[in-house]
Protein backbone atom coordinates (compact mmCIF):
# COMPACT_ATOMS: atom_id res chain seq x y z
CA MET A 1 96.30 35.60 123.28
CA ARG A 2 94.82 38.68 121.65
CA ASN A 3 93.54 40.05 124.98
CA THR A 4 96.95 39.52 126.58
CA LEU A 5 98.60 41.48 123.77
CA LYS A 6 96.09 44.33 124.17
CA PHE A 7 96.71 44.40 127.92
CA LEU A 8 100.52 44.52 127.46
CA MET A 9 100.25 47.32 124.88
CA ALA A 10 97.97 49.34 127.18
CA LEU A 11 100.37 48.80 130.08
CA ILE A 12 103.38 49.91 128.01
CA VAL A 13 101.57 53.02 126.74
CA ALA A 14 100.46 53.90 130.28
CA LEU A 15 104.05 53.56 131.58
CA LEU A 16 105.42 55.72 128.76
CA VAL A 17 102.80 58.43 129.37
CA MET A 18 103.62 58.36 133.10
CA LEU A 19 107.37 58.67 132.44
CA VAL A 20 106.91 61.59 130.03
CA PHE A 21 104.54 63.30 132.48
CA ARG A 22 107.02 62.87 135.33
CA ALA A 23 109.99 64.04 133.26
CA LEU A 24 108.28 67.16 131.90
CA CYS A 25 105.57 68.21 134.34
CA PHE A 26 105.89 67.00 137.92
CA THR A 27 108.43 65.02 139.90
CA VAL A 28 108.67 63.79 143.48
CA TYR A 29 111.71 64.52 145.64
CA SER A 30 112.64 63.26 149.12
CA VAL A 31 113.90 65.85 151.61
CA ARG A 32 117.00 64.80 153.56
CA GLY A 33 118.09 66.58 156.71
CA ALA A 34 116.44 69.14 158.93
CA GLY A 35 117.96 72.30 157.48
CA LEU A 36 114.61 73.64 156.26
CA ALA A 37 112.57 72.92 159.40
CA PRO A 38 109.78 73.65 160.22
CA ASP A 39 108.62 74.05 156.59
CA PHE A 40 110.21 70.78 155.49
CA GLN A 41 111.25 67.87 157.67
CA ASP A 42 113.58 64.95 157.14
CA GLY A 43 111.65 62.32 155.17
CA ASP A 44 109.16 64.64 153.47
CA ARG A 45 108.22 63.64 149.92
CA VAL A 46 107.50 66.83 147.98
CA MET A 47 105.91 67.37 144.57
CA VAL A 48 107.87 69.69 142.28
CA ASN A 49 106.21 71.54 139.39
CA ARG A 50 108.83 71.46 136.62
CA TRP A 51 106.80 73.87 134.42
CA SER A 52 106.43 76.60 137.06
CA TYR A 53 109.30 78.66 135.60
CA GLY A 54 109.07 77.42 132.01
CA LEU A 55 110.01 74.21 130.22
CA ARG A 56 113.71 73.56 130.88
CA THR A 57 115.60 71.97 127.99
CA GLY A 58 119.16 70.93 127.29
CA GLY A 59 122.03 71.77 129.55
CA LYS A 60 124.99 69.73 128.38
CA GLY A 61 125.90 67.98 125.19
CA VAL A 62 124.24 68.73 121.86
CA PHE A 63 121.45 70.97 123.13
CA GLY A 64 122.25 74.08 125.13
CA TYR A 65 120.27 75.28 128.13
CA GLU A 66 117.04 77.15 127.37
CA ARG A 67 113.63 77.78 128.95
CA PHE A 68 110.47 78.06 126.91
CA CYS A 69 107.51 80.04 128.25
CA ARG A 70 109.93 81.58 130.77
CA GLN A 71 108.60 82.90 134.07
CA GLY A 72 110.67 84.29 136.91
CA VAL A 73 111.02 82.87 140.38
CA ALA A 74 108.99 84.75 142.98
CA ARG A 75 110.59 85.98 146.18
CA GLY A 76 109.87 83.45 148.95
CA ASP A 77 109.36 80.45 146.63
CA TYR A 78 110.80 77.13 147.73
CA VAL A 79 112.70 75.81 144.74
CA LEU A 80 114.31 72.48 143.85
CA LEU A 81 117.78 73.09 142.45
CA ARG A 82 120.32 70.81 140.74
CA ASP A 83 123.87 72.05 141.30
CA ALA A 84 126.85 71.64 138.98
CA LYS A 85 127.69 68.27 140.58
CA GLY A 86 124.15 66.95 140.02
CA ARG A 87 123.06 67.13 143.67
CA MET A 88 119.43 68.07 144.33
CA LEU A 89 118.89 70.86 146.86
CA ILE A 90 115.92 72.79 148.23
CA ASP A 91 116.19 76.44 149.15
CA ARG A 92 114.05 79.58 149.46
CA CYS A 93 114.53 82.48 147.04
CA GLN A 94 115.41 85.76 148.77
CA SER A 95 116.29 88.12 145.91
CA LEU A 96 115.46 88.37 142.23
CA PRO A 97 117.56 89.41 139.22
CA GLY A 98 118.29 93.14 139.38
CA ASP A 99 117.76 93.36 143.17
CA THR A 100 120.46 94.78 145.42
CA VAL A 101 121.63 92.26 148.00
CA LYS A 102 124.09 92.40 150.87
CA LEU A 103 126.71 89.68 150.47
CA PRO A 104 127.36 88.40 154.01
CA LEU A 105 130.95 87.18 153.66
CA MET A 106 132.30 90.35 152.05
CA ASN A 107 129.89 92.73 153.80
CA ILE A 108 129.21 94.62 150.55
CA GLN A 109 126.11 95.29 148.49
CA ALA A 110 125.84 94.01 144.94
CA VAL A 111 123.25 94.00 142.17
CA MET A 112 122.09 90.52 141.11
CA PRO A 113 123.03 89.96 137.46
CA SER A 114 120.18 89.57 134.99
CA ARG A 115 119.48 89.46 131.28
CA ALA A 116 118.19 93.03 131.62
CA ASN A 117 121.61 94.30 132.74
CA CYS A 118 123.68 92.45 130.11
CA ALA A 119 124.27 89.10 131.85
CA LEU A 120 123.93 85.88 129.88
CA ARG A 121 121.61 84.38 132.53
CA ASP A 122 119.37 85.55 135.34
CA TYR A 123 120.76 85.01 138.84
CA TYR A 124 118.82 84.56 142.07
CA TYR A 125 119.93 84.82 145.68
CA PHE A 126 118.93 81.96 147.99
CA GLU A 127 119.01 81.79 151.78
CA ARG A 128 121.56 79.00 152.17
CA LEU A 129 123.21 78.73 148.76
CA GLY A 130 123.77 82.38 147.91
CA MET A 131 123.88 83.50 144.27
CA VAL A 132 122.62 80.82 141.86
CA THR A 133 122.21 80.85 138.08
CA GLU A 134 118.81 80.04 136.58
CA GLU A 135 120.26 76.88 135.01
CA TRP A 136 120.23 75.21 138.44
CA ILE A 137 116.48 75.68 138.89
CA VAL A 138 114.41 72.53 138.36
CA GLY A 139 111.04 73.77 139.60
CA ARG A 140 108.89 75.10 142.41
CA ILE A 141 107.79 72.93 145.33
CA VAL A 142 104.00 72.94 145.39
CA LEU A 143 103.00 70.20 147.81
CA VAL A 144 104.28 68.00 150.63
CA LEU A 145 102.76 64.65 149.70
CA TYR A 146 103.63 62.78 152.89
CA ASN A 147 106.41 62.17 155.40
CA HIS A 148 108.06 58.83 155.98
CA ARG A 149 110.78 58.74 158.61
CA PRO A 150 114.05 57.37 157.16
CA GLY A 151 115.22 53.98 158.36
CA LEU A 152 111.77 52.56 159.07
CA PRO A 153 109.99 49.93 156.96
CA PHE A 154 107.50 51.21 154.37
CA TRP A 155 104.49 50.05 156.40
CA ARG A 156 105.51 52.16 159.44
CA GLY A 157 106.92 55.61 160.06
CA TYR A 158 104.32 57.84 158.41
CA ASP A 159 103.50 61.17 160.08
CA ARG A 160 99.73 61.79 160.09
CA ASN A 161 100.23 65.57 160.27
CA ARG A 162 102.38 65.72 157.10
CA PHE A 163 99.90 64.62 154.38
CA LEU A 164 99.09 66.87 151.40
CA LEU A 165 100.39 70.20 152.72
CA LEU A 166 100.32 73.02 150.16
CA ARG A 167 103.42 75.26 149.93
């Protein structure tokens, strides 16, 4: 009985440590669609470093949004974003706060707002999404773990060429 209790306690502690690690440090995301080909394909499972741009806290409710140990996004980084509706998206950063960008729909040039030029938040310009506030940024994609084609059973559909690819 005593050994069973020790085993259950060790299992519970291990699960809690894993959940905290996944919530604060790294998470895995599944890519849907072929919009980012050839870098990412439909069915890729990617590892996202949640600390790459600083620890993200709050957002809604009691605690407001803040980042501790803040670091900026680098131009060309693939980033996991969570939009205002809660959808997860992947996109590549094109321009940084303070950069001048050409807005395609209006055919004008604009300066990306930043904390340095009196904005409340830093804004980044992404290839497909356009101008995005830093609050949407979850983390940087660091690794393609593997690819499993959607719709196939778990024991089939793995792509041998898509294992552990650094980004």
